[in-house]
Amino acid sequence: MPENGGVSDVRHVLVLPDRDAAEEAVEALAERFGVREEPLVVRDALAGEDDAEDAQWLVVLRDEEGRLDPGELDAFAGEWDGWREEP
């Protein structure tokens, strides 16, 4: 069986406080980091909370080439009072 050499499923998850921050971060990712693939934006409601104000927003980035620096992404998310979630 042939192997898929060099292919990985690396993902980074940025946790942001609200939808506006997530949308702004997605736009800035392309400019600052040259991200070509559109990141996935997901609402993550806190356990037991129905109010949209109590939700975090996740920006999921695929990084199969491993070119994005986790520390830089953490600092980037911090600009919106967010962070990079460790896998």
C-alpha atoms as a PDB file:
ATOM      1  CA  MET A   1       0.000   0.000   0.000  1.00  0.00           C
ATOM      2  CA  PRO A   2       1.380   3.445  -0.855  1.00  0.00           C
ATOM      3  CA  GLU A   3       1.822   5.898   1.980  1.00  0.00           C
ATOM      4  CA  ASN A   4       0.744   9.511   2.034  1.00  0.00           C
ATOM      5  CA  GLY A   5       4.124  10.956   2.883  1.00  0.00           C
ATOM      6  CA  GLY A   6       4.161  14.475   4.300  1.00  0.00           C
ATOM      7  CA  VAL A   7       0.396  14.873   4.602  1.00  0.00           C
ATOM      8  CA  SER A   8      -0.950  15.831   7.997  1.00  0.00           C
ATOM      9  CA  ASP A   9      -4.218  17.047   9.455  1.00  0.00           C
ATOM     10  CA  VAL A  10      -2.863  19.939  11.485  1.00  0.00           C
ATOM     11  CA  ARG A  11      -5.483  22.380  12.700  1.00  0.00           C
ATOM     12  CA  HIS A  12      -5.352  25.458  14.841  1.00  0.00           C
ATOM     13  CA  VAL A  13      -8.368  26.626  16.823  1.00  0.00           C
ATOM     14  CA  LEU A  14      -8.639  30.271  17.805  1.00  0.00           C
ATOM     15  CA  VAL A  15     -11.191  30.987  20.538  1.00  0.00           C
ATOM     16  CA  LEU A  16     -12.711  34.451  20.273  1.00  0.00           C
ATOM     17  CA  PRO A  17     -15.256  36.249  22.448  1.00  0.00           C
ATOM     18  CA  ASP A  18     -17.884  37.136  19.828  1.00  0.00           C
ATOM     19  CA  ARG A  19     -18.932  36.835  16.208  1.00  0.00           C
ATOM     20  CA  ASP A  20     -17.597  40.253  15.198  1.00  0.00           C
ATOM     21  CA  ALA A  21     -14.155  39.379  16.530  1.00  0.00           C
ATOM     22  CA  ALA A  22     -14.221  36.044  14.687  1.00  0.00           C
ATOM     23  CA  GLU A  23     -15.193  37.670  11.385  1.00  0.00           C
ATOM     24  CA  GLU A  24     -12.540  40.383  11.745  1.00  0.00           C
ATOM     25  CA  ALA A  25      -9.914  37.764  12.581  1.00  0.00           C
ATOM     26  CA  VAL A  26     -10.803  35.700   9.494  1.00  0.00           C
ATOM     27  CA  GLU A  27     -10.277  38.748   7.278  1.00  0.00           C
ATOM     28  CA  ALA A  28      -6.984  39.597   8.977  1.00  0.00           C
ATOM     29  CA  LEU A  29      -5.676  36.006   8.717  1.00  0.00           C
ATOM     30  CA  ALA A  30      -5.502  36.234   4.937  1.00  0.00           C
ATOM     31  CA  GLU A  31      -3.686  39.563   5.055  1.00  0.00           C
ATOM     32  CA  ARG A  32      -1.236  38.804   7.849  1.00  0.00           C
ATOM     33  CA  PHE A  33      -0.530  35.091   7.417  1.00  0.00           C
ATOM     34  CA  GLY A  34      -1.444  34.508   3.771  1.00  0.00           C
ATOM     35  CA  VAL A  35      -4.071  31.909   4.696  1.00  0.00           C
ATOM     36  CA  ARG A  36      -5.534  30.767   1.383  1.00  0.00           C
ATOM     37  CA  GLU A  37      -8.274  28.427   2.559  1.00  0.00           C
ATOM     38  CA  GLU A  38     -11.287  30.043   4.213  1.00  0.00           C
ATOM     39  CA  PRO A  39     -11.208  29.198   7.939  1.00  0.00           C
ATOM     40  CA  LEU A  40     -14.254  27.570   9.489  1.00  0.00           C
ATOM     41  CA  VAL A  41     -16.142  29.807  11.961  1.00  0.00           C
ATOM     42  CA  VAL A  42     -18.202  27.974  14.583  1.00  0.00           C
ATOM     43  CA  ARG A  43     -20.335  29.220  17.486  1.00  0.00           C
ATOM     44  CA  ASP A  44     -19.509  27.336  20.677  1.00  0.00           C
ATOM     45  CA  ALA A  45     -22.230  27.824  23.289  1.00  0.00           C
ATOM     46  CA  LEU A  46     -21.103  27.438  26.868  1.00  0.00           C
ATOM     47  CA  ALA A  47     -22.663  24.506  28.694  1.00  0.00           C
ATOM     48  CA  GLY A  48     -26.193  25.262  29.844  1.00  0.00           C
ATOM     49  CA  GLU A  49     -26.337  28.679  28.183  1.00  0.00           C
ATOM     50  CA  ASP A  50     -28.979  29.551  25.582  1.00  0.00           C
ATOM     51  CA  ASP A  51     -28.067  33.223  25.258  1.00  0.00           C
ATOM     52  CA  ALA A  52     -25.943  34.107  22.229  1.00  0.00           C
ATOM     53  CA  GLU A  53     -24.075  36.595  24.413  1.00  0.00           C
ATOM     54  CA  ASP A  54     -22.669  33.668  26.381  1.00  0.00           C
ATOM     55  CA  ALA A  55     -21.098  31.985  23.365  1.00  0.00           C
ATOM     56  CA  GLN A  56     -17.517  31.811  22.241  1.00  0.00           C
ATOM     57  CA  TRP A  57     -16.637  31.734  18.573  1.00  0.00           C
ATOM     58  CA  LEU A  58     -14.084  29.337  17.169  1.00  0.00           C
ATOM     59  CA  VAL A  59     -11.993  29.958  14.063  1.00  0.00           C
ATOM     60  CA  VAL A  60     -10.610  26.661  12.791  1.00  0.00           C
ATOM     61  CA  LEU A  61      -7.604  26.821  10.447  1.00  0.00           C
ATOM     62  CA  ARG A  62      -6.147  23.939   8.500  1.00  0.00           C
ATOM     63  CA  ASP A  63      -2.360  24.051   8.342  1.00  0.00           C
ATOM     64  CA  GLU A  64      -1.304  20.891   6.540  1.00  0.00           C
ATOM     65  CA  GLU A  65       2.059  22.387   5.599  1.00  0.00           C
ATOM     66  CA  GLY A  66       2.774  23.315   9.219  1.00  0.00           C
ATOM     67  CA  ARG A  67       3.777  26.843   8.287  1.00  0.00           C
ATOM     68  CA  LEU A  68       1.747  28.755  10.898  1.00  0.00           C
ATOM     69  CA  ASP A  69       3.537  29.464  14.170  1.00  0.00           C
ATOM     70  CA  PRO A  70       1.359  28.592  17.203  1.00  0.00           C
ATOM     71  CA  GLY A  71       2.847  31.431  19.276  1.00  0.00           C
ATOM     72  CA  GLU A  72       2.111  33.999  16.581  1.00  0.00           C
ATOM     73  CA  LEU A  73      -1.456  32.701  16.260  1.00  0.00           C
ATOM     74  CA  ASP A  74      -1.928  32.962  20.034  1.00  0.00           C
ATOM     75  CA  ALA A  75      -0.712  36.574  19.996  1.00  0.00           C
ATOM     76  CA  PHE A  76      -2.937  37.242  16.967  1.00  0.00           C
ATOM     77  CA  ALA A  77      -6.035  35.899  18.764  1.00  0.00           C
ATOM     78  CA  GLY A  78      -5.072  37.979  21.806  1.00  0.00           C
ATOM     79  CA  GLU A  79      -5.650  41.116  19.741  1.00  0.00           C
ATOM     80  CA  TRP A  80      -9.366  40.269  20.042  1.00  0.00           C
ATOM     81  CA  ASP A  81      -9.165  39.068  23.663  1.00  0.00           C
ATOM     82  CA  GLY A  82      -8.996  35.475  22.499  1.00  0.00           C
ATOM     83  CA  TRP A  83      -6.459  32.659  22.503  1.00  0.00           C
ATOM     84  CA  ARG A  84      -5.264  29.659  20.531  1.00  0.00           C
ATOM     85  CA  GLU A  85      -6.581  26.407  21.957  1.00  0.00           C
ATOM     86  CA  GLU A  86      -3.977  23.686  22.397  1.00  0.00           C
ATOM     87  CA  PRO A  87      -4.866  20.450  20.550  1.00  0.00           C
END
